[in-house]
C-alpha atoms as a PDB file:
ATOM      1  CA  UNK A   1      -6.607 -33.432   1.544  1.00  0.00           C
ATOM      2  CA  UNK A   2      -9.264 -30.985   0.492  1.00  0.00           C
ATOM      3  CA  UNK A   3      -8.836 -29.065  -2.890  1.00  0.00           C
ATOM      4  CA  UNK A   4     -10.702 -25.828  -2.399  1.00  0.00           C
ATOM      5  CA  UNK A   5     -12.336 -24.704  -5.663  1.00  0.00           C
ATOM      6  CA  UNK A   6     -14.796 -22.144  -6.983  1.00  0.00           C
ATOM      7  CA  UNK A   7     -17.493 -23.003  -9.577  1.00  0.00           C
ATOM      8  CA  UNK A   8     -20.105 -20.632 -11.012  1.00  0.00           C
ATOM      9  CA  UNK A   9     -23.306 -22.101 -12.417  1.00  0.00           C
ATOM     10  CA  UNK A  10     -23.999 -19.942 -15.415  1.00  0.00           C
ATOM     11  CA  UNK A  11     -27.599 -21.178 -15.452  1.00  0.00           C
ATOM     12  CA  UNK A  12     -28.197 -19.426 -12.056  1.00  0.00           C
ATOM     13  CA  UNK A  13     -25.953 -16.292 -12.219  1.00  0.00           C
ATOM     14  CA  UNK A  14     -28.009 -13.174 -12.616  1.00  0.00           C
ATOM     15  CA  UNK A  15     -25.232 -10.628 -12.872  1.00  0.00           C
ATOM     16  CA  UNK A  16     -26.247  -8.934  -9.591  1.00  0.00           C
ATOM     17  CA  UNK A  17     -22.540  -8.309  -8.600  1.00  0.00           C
ATOM     18  CA  UNK A  18     -23.416  -9.331  -5.019  1.00  0.00           C
ATOM     19  CA  UNK A  19     -20.280 -11.495  -4.941  1.00  0.00           C
ATOM     20  CA  UNK A  20     -18.100  -8.548  -6.030  1.00  0.00           C
ATOM     21  CA  UNK A  21     -19.486  -6.188  -3.456  1.00  0.00           C
ATOM     22  CA  UNK A  22     -19.291  -8.871  -0.645  1.00  0.00           C
ATOM     23  CA  UNK A  23     -15.671  -9.488  -1.510  1.00  0.00           C
ATOM     24  CA  UNK A  24     -14.645  -5.863  -1.602  1.00  0.00           C
ATOM     25  CA  UNK A  25     -16.377  -5.077   1.694  1.00  0.00           C
ATOM     26  CA  UNK A  26     -15.185  -8.229   3.507  1.00  0.00           C
ATOM     27  CA  UNK A  27     -11.558  -7.793   2.499  1.00  0.00           C
ATOM     28  CA  UNK A  28     -11.193  -4.042   2.622  1.00  0.00           C
ATOM     29  CA  UNK A  29     -10.167  -3.962  -1.065  1.00  0.00           C
ATOM     30  CA  UNK A  30      -9.052  -0.526  -2.278  1.00  0.00           C
ATOM     31  CA  UNK A  31     -11.464   1.537  -4.303  1.00  0.00           C
ATOM     32  CA  UNK A  32     -11.285   0.734  -8.094  1.00  0.00           C
ATOM     33  CA  UNK A  33     -10.004  -2.884  -7.605  1.00  0.00           C
ATOM     34  CA  UNK A  34     -12.034  -5.988  -7.746  1.00  0.00           C
ATOM     35  CA  UNK A  35     -10.694  -9.339  -6.706  1.00  0.00           C
ATOM     36  CA  UNK A  36     -13.817 -10.876  -8.391  1.00  0.00           C
ATOM     37  CA  UNK A  37     -15.519  -9.806 -11.589  1.00  0.00           C
ATOM     38  CA  UNK A  38     -18.794 -10.817 -13.192  1.00  0.00           C
ATOM     39  CA  UNK A  39     -18.502 -11.300 -16.931  1.00  0.00           C
ATOM     40  CA  UNK A  40     -21.432 -11.459 -19.253  1.00  0.00           C
ATOM     41  CA  UNK A  41     -21.001 -13.279 -22.573  1.00  0.00           C
ATOM     42  CA  UNK A  42     -23.403 -12.473 -25.315  1.00  0.00           C
ATOM     43  CA  UNK A  43     -24.682  -9.376 -23.459  1.00  0.00           C
ATOM     44  CA  UNK A  44     -28.205  -8.473 -24.620  1.00  0.00           C
ATOM     45  CA  UNK A  45     -28.555 -11.408 -26.996  1.00  0.00           C
ATOM     46  CA  UNK A  46     -30.652 -14.596 -26.609  1.00  0.00           C
ATOM     47  CA  UNK A  47     -28.843 -17.150 -24.458  1.00  0.00           C
ATOM     48  CA  UNK A  48     -26.563 -14.627 -22.679  1.00  0.00           C
ATOM     49  CA  UNK A  49     -24.633 -16.097 -19.808  1.00  0.00           C
ATOM     50  CA  UNK A  50     -22.945 -14.399 -16.795  1.00  0.00           C
ATOM     51  CA  UNK A  51     -20.135 -15.974 -14.893  1.00  0.00           C
ATOM     52  CA  UNK A  52     -18.414 -14.880 -11.658  1.00  0.00           C
ATOM     53  CA  UNK A  53     -14.601 -15.019 -12.175  1.00  0.00           C
ATOM     54  CA  UNK A  54     -11.843 -14.689  -9.676  1.00  0.00           C
ATOM     55  CA  UNK A  55      -8.566 -16.578  -8.921  1.00  0.00           C
ATOM     56  CA  UNK A  56      -9.493 -20.196  -9.543  1.00  0.00           C
ATOM     57  CA  UNK A  57      -6.713 -21.500  -7.263  1.00  0.00           C
ATOM     58  CA  UNK A  58      -5.330 -23.630  -9.945  1.00  0.00           C
ATOM     59  CA  UNK A  59      -3.704 -27.090  -9.149  1.00  0.00           C
ATOM     60  CA  UNK A  60      -0.696 -26.158 -11.262  1.00  0.00           C
ATOM     61  CA  UNK A  61      -0.970 -22.347 -11.011  1.00  0.00           C
ATOM     62  CA  UNK A  62       0.661 -20.411 -13.954  1.00  0.00           C
ATOM     63  CA  UNK A  63       1.128 -17.422 -11.792  1.00  0.00           C
ATOM     64  CA  UNK A  64       3.400 -19.442  -9.458  1.00  0.00           C
ATOM     65  CA  UNK A  65       5.219 -20.909 -12.369  1.00  0.00           C
ATOM     66  CA  UNK A  66       6.320 -17.436 -13.745  1.00  0.00           C
ATOM     67  CA  UNK A  67       7.049 -15.612 -10.511  1.00  0.00           C
ATOM     68  CA  UNK A  68      10.840 -14.867 -10.373  1.00  0.00           C
ATOM     69  CA  UNK A  69      10.799 -14.527  -6.441  1.00  0.00           C
ATOM     70  CA  UNK A  70       8.546 -17.433  -5.734  1.00  0.00           C
ATOM     71  CA  UNK A  71       6.047 -15.416  -3.742  1.00  0.00           C
ATOM     72  CA  UNK A  72       3.142 -17.766  -4.593  1.00  0.00           C
ATOM     73  CA  UNK A  73       2.517 -20.797  -2.499  1.00  0.00           C
ATOM     74  CA  UNK A  74      -0.246 -23.365  -2.224  1.00  0.00           C
ATOM     75  CA  UNK A  75      -1.722 -24.241   1.227  1.00  0.00           C
ATOM     76  CA  UNK A  76      -2.597 -27.734   2.359  1.00  0.00           C
ATOM     77  CA  UNK A  77      -6.262 -27.071   1.287  1.00  0.00           C
ATOM     78  CA  UNK A  78      -5.066 -26.295  -2.326  1.00  0.00           C
ATOM     79  CA  UNK A  79      -5.593 -22.455  -1.955  1.00  0.00           C
ATOM     80  CA  UNK A  80      -3.086 -20.501  -4.018  1.00  0.00           C
ATOM     81  CA  UNK A  81      -1.815 -17.479  -2.003  1.00  0.00           C
ATOM     82  CA  UNK A  82       1.030 -14.963  -2.300  1.00  0.00           C
ATOM     83  CA  UNK A  83       3.330 -13.325   0.036  1.00  0.00           C
ATOM     84  CA  UNK A  84       3.190  -9.531  -0.467  1.00  0.00           C
ATOM     85  CA  UNK A  85       6.535  -9.109   1.484  1.00  0.00           C
ATOM     86  CA  UNK A  86       8.308 -11.123  -1.262  1.00  0.00           C
ATOM     87  CA  UNK A  87       6.347  -9.620  -4.218  1.00  0.00           C
ATOM     88  CA  UNK A  88       8.378  -7.195  -6.263  1.00  0.00           C
ATOM     89  CA  UNK A  89       5.325  -6.139  -8.415  1.00  0.00           C
ATOM     90  CA  UNK A  90       6.805  -7.229 -11.787  1.00  0.00           C
ATOM     91  CA  UNK A  91       3.470  -8.298 -13.142  1.00  0.00           C
ATOM     92  CA  UNK A  92       4.533 -11.593 -14.713  1.00  0.00           C
ATOM     93  CA  UNK A  93       1.639 -13.320 -12.748  1.00  0.00           C
ATOM     94  CA  UNK A  94      -0.832 -10.851 -14.247  1.00  0.00           C
ATOM     95  CA  UNK A  95       0.122 -11.852 -17.817  1.00  0.00           C
ATOM     96  CA  UNK A  96       0.312 -15.599 -17.003  1.00  0.00           C
ATOM     97  CA  UNK A  97      -3.148 -15.760 -15.295  1.00  0.00           C
ATOM     98  CA  UNK A  98      -5.978 -16.778 -17.774  1.00  0.00           C
ATOM     99  CA  UNK A  99      -8.510 -15.371 -15.297  1.00  0.00           C
ATOM    100  CA  UNK A 100      -6.923 -11.942 -14.655  1.00  0.00           C
ATOM    101  CA  UNK A 101      -6.740 -12.647 -10.952  1.00  0.00           C
ATOM    102  CA  UNK A 102      -3.531 -10.927  -9.954  1.00  0.00           C
ATOM    103  CA  UNK A 103      -3.695  -7.140 -10.309  1.00  0.00           C
ATOM    104  CA  UNK A 104      -2.138  -3.895  -9.070  1.00  0.00           C
ATOM    105  CA  UNK A 105      -4.026  -2.499  -6.159  1.00  0.00           C
ATOM    106  CA  UNK A 106      -2.833   1.099  -6.784  1.00  0.00           C
ATOM    107  CA  UNK A 107      -1.391   3.539  -9.197  1.00  0.00           C
ATOM    108  CA  UNK A 108       1.096   6.065  -8.008  1.00  0.00           C
ATOM    109  CA  UNK A 109       3.318   8.717  -9.657  1.00  0.00           C
ATOM    110  CA  UNK A 110       5.793   7.663 -12.334  1.00  0.00           C
ATOM    111  CA  UNK A 111       4.223   4.271 -12.902  1.00  0.00           C
ATOM    112  CA  UNK A 112       4.939   2.841  -9.401  1.00  0.00           C
ATOM    113  CA  UNK A 113       2.197   0.176  -8.925  1.00  0.00           C
ATOM    114  CA  UNK A 114       3.243  -1.640  -5.719  1.00  0.00           C
ATOM    115  CA  UNK A 115       2.671  -5.209  -4.799  1.00  0.00           C
ATOM    116  CA  UNK A 116       0.236  -7.477  -6.567  1.00  0.00           C
ATOM    117  CA  UNK A 117      -3.216  -8.319  -5.018  1.00  0.00           C
ATOM    118  CA  UNK A 118      -5.495 -11.312  -5.725  1.00  0.00           C
ATOM    119  CA  UNK A 119      -8.333 -13.363  -4.364  1.00  0.00           C
ATOM    120  CA  UNK A 120      -7.332 -15.296  -1.288  1.00  0.00           C
ATOM    121  CA  UNK A 121     -10.307 -17.553  -1.078  1.00  0.00           C
ATOM    122  CA  UNK A 122     -10.881 -15.597   2.257  1.00  0.00           C
ATOM    123  CA  UNK A 123      -7.880 -17.529   3.655  1.00  0.00           C
ATOM    124  CA  UNK A 124      -5.669 -14.530   4.572  1.00  0.00           C
ATOM    125  CA  UNK A 125      -1.873 -14.784   4.007  1.00  0.00           C
ATOM    126  CA  UNK A 126       1.307 -16.079   5.622  1.00  0.00           C
ATOM    127  CA  UNK A 127       0.915 -13.858   8.740  1.00  0.00           C
ATOM    128  CA  UNK A 128      -0.624 -15.276  11.951  1.00  0.00           C
ATOM    129  CA  UNK A 129      -4.271 -16.264  11.325  1.00  0.00           C
ATOM    130  CA  UNK A 130      -6.765 -13.460  12.118  1.00  0.00           C
ATOM    131  CA  UNK A 131      -4.115 -11.055  13.234  1.00  0.00           C
ATOM    132  CA  UNK A 132      -4.524  -7.344  12.528  1.00  0.00           C
ATOM    133  CA  UNK A 133      -1.444  -7.406  10.275  1.00  0.00           C
ATOM    134  CA  UNK A 134      -2.997 -10.303   8.179  1.00  0.00           C
ATOM    135  CA  UNK A 135      -6.236  -8.368   7.869  1.00  0.00           C
ATOM    136  CA  UNK A 136      -4.610  -5.117   6.798  1.00  0.00           C
ATOM    137  CA  UNK A 137      -2.428  -6.858   4.099  1.00  0.00           C
ATOM    138  CA  UNK A 138      -4.672  -9.768   2.910  1.00  0.00           C
ATOM    139  CA  UNK A 139      -8.187  -9.281   4.266  1.00  0.00           C
ATOM    140  CA  UNK A 140     -10.262 -11.383   6.674  1.00  0.00           C
ATOM    141  CA  UNK A 141      -9.330 -15.079   7.143  1.00  0.00           C
ATOM    142  CA  UNK A 142     -12.654 -16.822   6.970  1.00  0.00           C
ATOM    143  CA  UNK A 143     -11.121 -20.226   6.247  1.00  0.00           C
ATOM    144  CA  UNK A 144      -9.345 -20.162   9.722  1.00  0.00           C
ATOM    145  CA  UNK A 145     -12.749 -19.410  11.312  1.00  0.00           C
ATOM    146  CA  UNK A 146     -14.243 -22.479   9.615  1.00  0.00           C
ATOM    147  CA  UNK A 147     -16.370 -20.509   7.053  1.00  0.00           C
ATOM    148  CA  UNK A 148     -16.393 -20.332   3.245  1.00  0.00           C
ATOM    149  CA  UNK A 149     -15.489 -17.289   1.233  1.00  0.00           C
ATOM    150  CA  UNK A 150     -18.095 -14.563   1.646  1.00  0.00           C
ATOM    151  CA  UNK A 151     -18.580 -14.071  -2.056  1.00  0.00           C
ATOM    152  CA  UNK A 152     -20.118 -17.602  -2.266  1.00  0.00           C
ATOM    153  CA  UNK A 153     -22.065 -17.248   0.983  1.00  0.00           C
ATOM    154  CA  UNK A 154     -23.574 -13.997  -0.249  1.00  0.00           C
ATOM    155  CA  UNK A 155     -24.655 -15.298  -3.709  1.00  0.00           C
ATOM    156  CA  UNK A 156     -28.447 -14.750  -3.856  1.00  0.00           C
ATOM    157  CA  UNK A 157     -29.142 -17.509  -6.356  1.00  0.00           C
ATOM    158  CA  UNK A 158     -26.348 -19.870  -5.084  1.00  0.00           C
ATOM    159  CA  UNK A 159     -24.802 -19.775  -8.554  1.00  0.00           C
ATOM    160  CA  UNK A 160     -21.315 -19.248  -6.980  1.00  0.00           C
ATOM    161  CA  UNK A 161     -20.170 -22.362  -5.212  1.00  0.00           C
ATOM    162  CA  UNK A 162     -16.988 -22.639  -3.167  1.00  0.00           C
ATOM    163  CA  UNK A 163     -15.372 -25.373  -0.980  1.00  0.00           C
ATOM    164  CA  UNK A 164     -14.011 -28.823  -1.367  1.00  0.00           C
ATOM    165  CA  UNK A 165     -13.813 -29.573  -5.119  1.00  0.00           C
ATOM    166  CA  UNK A 166     -15.374 -32.996  -4.701  1.00  0.00           C
ATOM    167  CA  UNK A 167     -18.358 -31.561  -2.827  1.00  0.00           C
ATOM    168  CA  UNK A 168     -18.721 -28.607  -5.152  1.00  0.00           C
ATOM    169  CA  UNK A 169     -18.737 -30.914  -8.214  1.00  0.00           C
ATOM    170  CA  UNK A 170     -21.286 -33.176  -6.690  1.00  0.00           C
ATOM    171  CA  UNK A 171     -23.657 -30.275  -6.071  1.00  0.00           C
ATOM    172  CA  UNK A 172     -23.184 -29.168  -9.589  1.00  0.00           C
ATOM    173  CA  UNK A 173     -23.723 -32.635 -10.983  1.00  0.00           C
ATOM    174  CA  UNK A 174     -27.018 -32.979  -9.057  1.00  0.00           C
ATOM    175  CA  UNK A 175     -28.213 -29.617 -10.434  1.00  0.00           C
ATOM    176  CA  UNK A 176     -27.423 -30.626 -13.977  1.00  0.00           C
ATOM    177  CA  UNK A 177     -29.124 -33.961 -13.742  1.00  0.00           C
ATOM    178  CA  UNK A 178     -32.221 -32.223 -12.134  1.00  0.00           C
ATOM    179  CA  UNK A 179     -32.207 -29.846 -15.107  1.00  0.00           C
ATOM    180  CA  UNK A 180     -32.429 -32.880 -17.377  1.00  0.00           C
ATOM    181  CA  UNK A 181     -29.175 -33.184 -19.206  1.00  0.00           C
ATOM    182  CA  UNK A 182     -25.516 -32.230 -19.609  1.00  0.00           C
ATOM    183  CA  UNK A 183     -24.225 -28.823 -18.646  1.00  0.00           C
ATOM    184  CA  UNK A 184     -24.599 -26.050 -21.127  1.00  0.00           C
ATOM    185  CA  UNK A 185     -20.783 -25.626 -21.259  1.00  0.00           C
ATOM    186  CA  UNK A 186     -19.820 -22.079 -22.309  1.00  0.00           C
ATOM    187  CA  UNK A 187     -18.479 -21.866 -25.823  1.00  0.00           C
ATOM    188  CA  UNK A 188     -19.456 -25.477 -26.677  1.00  0.00           C
ATOM    189  CA  UNK A 189     -21.399 -24.420 -29.822  1.00  0.00           C
ATOM    190  CA  UNK A 190     -18.531 -22.190 -31.007  1.00  0.00           C
ATOM    191  CA  UNK A 191     -15.872 -24.843 -30.493  1.00  0.00           C
ATOM    192  CA  UNK A 192     -17.924 -27.628 -31.862  1.00  0.00           C
ATOM    193  CA  UNK A 193     -20.492 -26.233 -34.355  1.00  0.00           C
ATOM    194  CA  UNK A 194     -23.299 -28.481 -35.495  1.00  0.00           C
ATOM    195  CA  UNK A 195     -22.683 -29.853 -39.016  1.00  0.00           C
ATOM    196  CA  UNK A 196     -25.080 -28.825 -41.673  1.00  0.00           C
END
């Protein structure tokens, strides 16, 4: 059974936001909402790193754990999706997710925010694959077409990898070995400062 995962190689990400634009265009995401974000750490300082972040499709997803109506589910491929017909828009998933993936797609009068929206790994939703209804609610289902998420395919530097977790990790491992060492893990120096 495949476990579909994203991985962003911070040594290659150039903060072009091509992944964000590709996701928004492909999935007809409402204006002002981004299912994917590019975050820059140490902006303008030596050693700055950029990382593309979206739903990481966790193995034990905290958004699913806190949902009072169980609208989150995991596909056979390990993709965490949610059913907008069951969602009540309570926002618990927004607070539980460490990546800020679930978000409200709209703001209406008197604080009505509607159903949550999140990255679907371009796998659509619970409606029939590649149906008009599925596209309107969840975006294009590229996984049913045998393709990878468009954000990863459109990454100019191939920093954003997507697919089977074992394949993605092997690609990243080979890159690290070619660079000549262990990965430059974000925050390593902060968490484990060198002793003086």
